[in-house]
Amino acid sequence: MREQLIKLLGLQEKDVDNSQIRQIPIDLIKVNPYQPRKHFNEDSLKELSDSIRTFGIIQPLLLRKQKNYYELIAGERRLRASKMAGLTTVPAIITNYTNQEMAELALVENLQREDLGFMDEAEGYRLLIDEFGLTQEELARRVGKSQSTIANKLRLLRLPENVRQNISQEIITERHARALLRLKNDKQQLEVLNKIYEQKLNVRQTEEVIESILRAETLPAVKKEKEKKNKKVVRFIRDVRILINTVRQLVNDMEKSGIPICIEEVDTGEQYQLVVSITKKKAVAE
């Protein structure tokens, strides 16, 4: 595993102390501050602990020496299981990796195990980007993922913190979480999240619930827009009638004054046509 990680990240073998594996007291080891995994399956740790009791630790931990303690780079599951098994020391290889290399190794080690939660994975990507100024393209090359994969994972972090904290990565899938992004606020997201837990909704059912919420939100807006259009039509009809009545009154007044005038009105359905005709007076013969 160590050789695979070193090769994947492009690190040099000279970064690793090639002296014999050392036994390091567990109480001198502090966990990796860049560890992306926030959740450890207790049943899995118990199985690993039982295996360690029987066979010992087959793969040494990877550590970095500090002043009076060691910092764990890779192997937190083994460290936790060793404590459960009652061990006081663990085999380890001492390295002098930088902070960035520590963070990358911790993330890639967890990715290679394929059981890292999608939220933990997204947080790990964000840490590398924010802490060490990597672009998504650079990060993708470093961890052996496509840029689109990195971008899609980072999108999940748009969910509010209180929503992310309520997502159980053992029950909620990444597609469930991605669907929640369509909702506009954390109240709606938490309501749907609770429904997923209570009703054991699959992704399709979750998307249907979200779609119904979005439809209910758009209906008042559509109704309001329709009412607005209707008001415009009523106002237009009222204004047209005022105009027609004004023309009629004008023609009527002219007729009363002796002017030979008439008006013809035609409604084509698409427009009103008003044709006003005034008869020319014939010239009087001398």
Protein backbone atom coordinates (compact mmCIF):
# COMPACT_ATOMS: atom_id res chain seq x y z
CA MET A 1 0.00 0.00 0.00
CA ARG A 2 2.76 2.48 0.91
CA GLU A 3 4.53 1.95 -2.42
CA GLN A 4 1.22 2.43 -4.30
CA LEU A 5 0.51 5.69 -2.52
CA ILE A 6 4.02 7.03 -3.09
CA LYS A 7 3.84 6.16 -6.77
CA LEU A 8 0.35 7.64 -7.22
CA LEU A 9 1.27 10.95 -5.58
CA GLY A 10 4.64 11.21 -7.29
CA LEU A 11 6.57 11.32 -4.00
CA GLN A 12 10.18 10.29 -3.71
CA GLU A 13 11.41 7.23 -1.82
CA LYS A 14 14.02 9.44 -0.15
CA ASP A 15 11.16 10.96 1.88
CA VAL A 16 10.87 7.67 3.77
CA ASP A 17 13.33 6.55 6.41
CA ASN A 18 14.41 3.17 5.06
CA SER A 19 15.77 1.98 8.39
CA GLN A 20 14.14 -1.01 10.02
CA ILE A 21 10.53 -0.77 11.09
CA ARG A 22 10.31 0.57 14.63
CA GLN A 23 7.96 -0.24 17.46
CA ILE A 24 6.38 3.02 18.61
CA PRO A 25 4.37 3.44 21.87
CA ILE A 26 0.74 4.06 21.04
CA ASP A 27 0.43 6.86 23.59
CA LEU A 28 3.07 8.86 21.69
CA ILE A 29 1.05 8.85 18.46
CA LYS A 30 -1.34 11.68 17.56
CA VAL A 31 -3.85 11.31 14.75
CA ASN A 32 -3.38 13.00 11.39
CA PRO A 33 -4.91 16.51 11.54
CA TYR A 34 -5.69 16.15 7.80
CA GLN A 35 -7.56 12.86 8.19
CA PRO A 36 -10.62 13.09 5.90
CA ARG A 37 -12.46 10.15 7.48
CA LYS A 38 -14.71 11.36 10.29
CA HIS A 39 -16.67 8.17 10.81
CA PHE A 40 -15.28 4.71 11.60
CA ASN A 41 -17.49 1.61 11.52
CA GLU A 42 -17.33 0.01 14.95
CA ASP A 43 -18.10 -3.50 13.68
CA SER A 44 -15.33 -3.23 11.11
CA LEU A 45 -12.89 -2.00 13.78
CA LYS A 46 -13.87 -4.94 16.01
CA GLU A 47 -13.12 -7.40 13.21
CA LEU A 48 -9.76 -5.74 12.54
CA SER A 49 -9.00 -5.75 16.27
CA ASP A 50 -9.68 -9.50 16.48
CA SER A 51 -7.42 -10.05 13.47
CA ILE A 52 -4.64 -8.01 15.07
CA ARG A 53 -4.88 -10.06 18.26
CA THR A 54 -4.40 -13.23 16.19
CA PHE A 55 -1.94 -12.19 13.50
CA GLY A 56 -0.55 -8.86 14.67
CA ILE A 57 -0.24 -5.77 12.46
CA ILE A 58 0.82 -6.92 9.00
CA GLN A 59 1.21 -3.45 7.45
CA PRO A 60 3.17 -0.86 9.48
CA LEU A 61 1.72 2.55 10.21
CA LEU A 62 3.19 5.61 8.52
CA LEU A 63 4.30 8.32 10.99
CA ARG A 64 6.07 11.67 11.04
CA LYS A 65 8.39 12.58 13.93
CA GLN A 66 7.64 15.76 15.84
CA LYS A 67 9.47 17.12 18.91
CA ASN A 68 8.18 14.75 21.56
CA TYR A 69 5.53 12.75 19.73
CA TYR A 70 4.69 11.16 16.39
CA GLU A 71 2.03 12.31 13.94
CA LEU A 72 0.03 9.65 12.15
CA ILE A 73 0.06 9.93 8.36
CA ALA A 74 -1.65 6.70 7.33
CA GLY A 75 -3.19 3.85 9.31
CA GLU A 76 -5.75 5.32 11.72
CA ARG A 77 -8.01 2.25 11.49
CA ARG A 78 -5.05 0.06 12.43
CA LEU A 79 -4.18 2.41 15.29
CA ARG A 80 -7.73 2.40 16.66
CA ALA A 81 -8.03 -1.37 16.30
CA SER A 82 -4.65 -1.83 18.02
CA LYS A 83 -5.90 0.16 21.01
CA MET A 84 -9.04 -2.02 21.10
CA ALA A 85 -6.82 -5.11 20.98
CA GLY A 86 -4.87 -3.87 24.01
CA LEU A 87 -1.56 -3.27 22.23
CA THR A 88 0.84 -0.73 23.75
CA THR A 89 3.17 -0.42 20.75
CA VAL A 90 2.68 -0.62 16.98
CA PRO A 91 5.10 -1.17 14.09
CA ALA A 92 5.70 2.00 12.12
CA ILE A 93 7.81 3.61 9.41
CA ILE A 94 9.05 7.12 10.18
CA THR A 95 8.87 9.69 7.36
CA ASN A 96 9.54 13.37 6.85
CA TYR A 97 6.60 14.22 4.61
CA THR A 98 5.32 17.82 4.37
CA ASN A 99 1.85 18.86 5.55
CA GLN A 100 0.52 18.75 1.99
CA GLU A 101 1.96 15.29 1.39
CA MET A 102 0.44 14.13 4.69
CA ALA A 103 -2.99 15.37 3.65
CA GLU A 104 -2.71 13.80 0.19
CA LEU A 105 -1.52 10.45 1.56
CA ALA A 106 -4.33 10.33 4.12
CA LEU A 107 -6.95 11.08 1.47
CA VAL A 108 -5.62 8.66 -1.13
CA GLU A 109 -5.22 5.86 1.41
CA ASN A 110 -8.89 6.21 2.32
CA LEU A 111 -9.97 6.48 -1.33
CA GLN A 112 -8.18 3.25 -2.17
CA ARG A 113 -10.16 1.45 0.51
CA GLU A 114 -13.35 2.48 -1.37
CA ASP A 115 -15.41 2.87 1.82
CA LEU A 116 -14.74 6.53 2.49
CA GLY A 117 -18.03 8.40 2.91
CA PHE A 118 -18.87 10.80 0.09
CA MET A 119 -19.12 13.77 2.48
CA ASP A 120 -15.79 12.92 4.10
CA GLU A 121 -14.30 12.62 0.62
CA ALA A 122 -15.68 16.03 -0.37
CA GLU A 123 -14.31 17.60 2.82
CA GLY A 124 -10.93 16.03 2.09
CA TYR A 125 -10.88 17.59 -1.38
CA ARG A 126 -11.85 21.00 -0.02
CA LEU A 127 -9.13 20.82 2.62
CA LEU A 128 -6.46 20.17 -0.01
CA ILE A 129 -7.78 23.00 -2.19
CA ASP A 130 -8.16 25.55 0.62
CA GLU A 131 -5.13 24.60 2.69
CA PHE A 132 -2.59 24.18 -0.09
CA GLY A 133 -4.03 26.25 -2.93
CA LEU A 134 -4.52 23.40 -5.38
CA THR A 135 -6.85 23.83 -8.34
CA GLN A 136 -9.44 21.17 -9.10
CA GLU A 137 -7.36 20.06 -12.10
CA GLU A 138 -4.18 19.76 -10.00
CA LEU A 139 -6.02 17.89 -7.26
CA ALA A 140 -7.56 15.50 -9.80
CA ARG A 141 -4.11 14.60 -11.10
CA ARG A 142 -2.73 14.16 -7.58
CA VAL A 143 -5.41 11.76 -6.37
CA GLY A 144 -6.06 9.95 -9.64
CA LYS A 145 -9.62 11.20 -10.19
CA SER A 146 -11.27 13.09 -13.04
CA GLN A 147 -11.84 16.82 -12.64
CA SER A 148 -15.60 16.31 -13.02
CA THR A 149 -15.58 13.84 -10.11
CA ILE A 150 -13.84 16.40 -7.91
CA ALA A 151 -16.30 19.13 -8.98
CA ASN A 152 -19.36 16.94 -8.33
CA LYS A 153 -18.11 16.00 -4.87
CA LEU A 154 -17.40 19.64 -3.99
CA ARG A 155 -20.95 20.60 -5.03
CA LEU A 156 -22.23 18.54 -2.08
CA LEU A 157 -20.58 21.04 0.27
CA ARG A 158 -23.13 23.64 -0.88
CA LEU A 159 -25.54 21.92 1.49
CA PRO A 160 -25.74 23.89 4.76
CA GLU A 161 -23.62 22.64 7.64
CA ASN A 162 -26.63 21.56 9.72
CA VAL A 163 -27.92 19.48 6.81
CA ARG A 164 -24.53 17.83 6.21
CA GLN A 165 -24.27 16.94 9.90
CA ASN A 166 -27.64 15.16 9.71
CA ILE A 167 -26.64 13.02 6.73
CA SER A 168 -25.83 9.45 7.73
CA GLN A 169 -23.45 8.24 5.04
CA GLU A 170 -24.39 4.64 5.83
CA ILE A 171 -28.05 5.29 4.90
CA ILE A 172 -28.07 8.30 2.57
CA THR A 173 -26.42 7.84 -0.81
CA GLU A 174 -24.58 10.52 -2.74
CA ARG A 175 -27.50 10.71 -5.20
CA HIS A 176 -29.88 11.39 -2.29
CA ALA A 177 -27.64 14.25 -1.15
CA ARG A 178 -27.28 15.62 -4.66
CA ALA A 179 -31.09 15.71 -5.03
CA LEU A 180 -31.36 17.83 -1.88
CA LEU A 181 -29.38 20.57 -3.60
CA ARG A 182 -32.47 21.42 -5.68
CA LEU A 183 -34.26 22.71 -2.58
CA LYS A 184 -33.70 26.36 -1.74
CA ASN A 185 -33.29 26.26 2.07
CA ASP A 186 -32.16 24.02 4.91
CA LYS A 187 -35.67 23.75 6.38
CA GLN A 188 -36.95 22.00 3.25
CA GLN A 189 -33.78 19.91 2.99
CA LEU A 190 -34.08 18.68 6.59
CA GLU A 191 -37.79 17.89 6.10
CA VAL A 192 -37.00 15.72 3.07
CA LEU A 193 -34.03 14.17 4.87
CA ASN A 194 -36.30 13.10 7.74
CA LYS A 195 -38.75 11.60 5.25
CA ILE A 196 -35.92 9.59 3.70
CA TYR A 197 -35.05 8.15 7.11
CA GLU A 198 -38.61 7.58 8.30
CA GLN A 199 -40.05 6.19 5.05
CA LYS A 200 -36.82 4.61 3.74
CA LEU A 201 -37.17 6.46 0.45
CA ASN A 202 -34.99 5.43 -2.48
CA VAL A 203 -33.48 8.03 -4.81
CA ARG A 204 -36.41 8.05 -7.26
CA GLN A 205 -38.96 8.47 -4.47
CA THR A 206 -36.84 11.24 -2.96
CA GLU A 207 -36.73 13.08 -6.28
CA GLU A 208 -40.54 12.80 -6.56
CA VAL A 209 -40.99 14.34 -3.11
CA ILE A 210 -38.64 17.18 -4.03
CA GLU A 211 -40.44 17.70 -7.35
CA SER A 212 -43.79 18.01 -5.57
CA ILE A 213 -42.33 20.67 -3.24
CA LEU A 214 -40.97 22.64 -6.18
CA ARG A 215 -44.29 22.39 -8.06
CA ALA A 216 -46.19 23.65 -5.02
CA GLU A 217 -43.89 26.66 -4.90
CA THR A 218 -44.35 27.54 -8.56
CA LEU A 219 -48.18 27.34 -8.57
CA PRO A 220 -48.76 30.60 -6.60
CA ALA A 221 -46.28 32.38 -8.89
CA VAL A 222 -48.05 31.09 -12.00
CA LYS A 223 -51.44 32.08 -10.58
CA LYS A 224 -50.17 35.54 -9.72
CA GLU A 225 -48.75 36.00 -13.22
CA LYS A 226 -52.06 34.88 -14.76
CA GLU A 227 -53.99 37.34 -12.62
CA LYS A 228 -51.59 40.07 -13.67
CA LYS A 229 -52.16 39.28 -17.35
CA ASN A 230 -55.93 39.22 -16.83
CA LYS A 231 -55.79 42.67 -15.25
CA LYS A 232 -53.84 43.96 -18.24
CA VAL A 233 -56.49 42.53 -20.60
CA VAL A 234 -59.32 44.10 -18.60
CA ARG A 235 -57.51 47.44 -18.52
CA PHE A 236 -56.88 47.23 -22.28
CA ILE A 237 -60.55 46.47 -23.04
CA ARG A 238 -61.66 49.30 -20.77
CA ASP A 239 -59.25 51.74 -22.44
CA VAL A 240 -60.40 50.66 -25.94
CA ARG A 241 -64.04 51.16 -25.00
CA ILE A 242 -63.27 54.67 -23.75
CA LEU A 243 -61.59 55.43 -27.08
CA ILE A 244 -64.50 54.03 -29.14
CA ASN A 245 -67.07 55.90 -27.07
CA THR A 246 -65.07 59.10 -27.50
CA VAL A 247 -65.00 58.66 -31.30
CA ARG A 248 -68.73 57.85 -31.34
CA GLN A 249 -69.51 60.95 -29.31
CA LEU A 250 -67.40 63.10 -31.63
CA VAL A 251 -69.15 61.72 -34.73
CA ASN A 252 -72.55 62.23 -33.09
CA ASP A 253 -71.73 65.86 -32.25
CA MET A 254 -70.57 66.49 -35.82
CA GLU A 255 -73.80 64.99 -37.21
CA LYS A 256 -75.85 67.27 -34.99
CA SER A 257 -73.95 70.24 -36.35
CA GLY A 258 -74.97 69.29 -39.87
CA ILE A 259 -71.78 67.69 -41.08
CA PRO A 260 -72.50 64.59 -43.24
CA ILE A 261 -70.50 62.04 -41.29
CA CYS A 262 -70.87 58.37 -40.41
CA ILE A 263 -68.86 55.74 -38.58
CA GLU A 264 -68.46 52.06 -39.39
CA GLU A 265 -67.27 49.69 -36.66
CA VAL A 266 -65.79 46.23 -37.37
CA ASP A 267 -64.47 43.72 -34.75
CA THR A 268 -62.23 41.20 -36.55
CA GLY A 269 -61.42 39.33 -33.36
CA GLU A 270 -57.83 40.50 -33.44
CA GLN A 271 -58.50 44.22 -33.86
CA TYR A 272 -61.15 46.92 -33.80
CA GLN A 273 -61.65 48.85 -37.03
CA LEU A 274 -63.29 52.27 -36.94
CA VAL A 275 -63.92 53.85 -40.36
CA VAL A 276 -65.13 57.44 -40.24
CA SER A 277 -66.57 58.78 -43.54
CA ILE A 278 -67.32 62.45 -44.26
CA THR A 279 -69.25 63.24 -47.43
CA LYS A 280 -67.84 66.08 -49.48
CA LYS A 281 -70.35 68.83 -50.24
CA LYS A 282 -71.03 69.26 -53.94
CA ALA A 283 -70.08 72.61 -55.41
CA VAL A 284 -73.07 74.89 -56.04
CA ALA A 285 -73.52 75.69 -59.79
CA GLU A 286 -73.51 79.38 -60.73
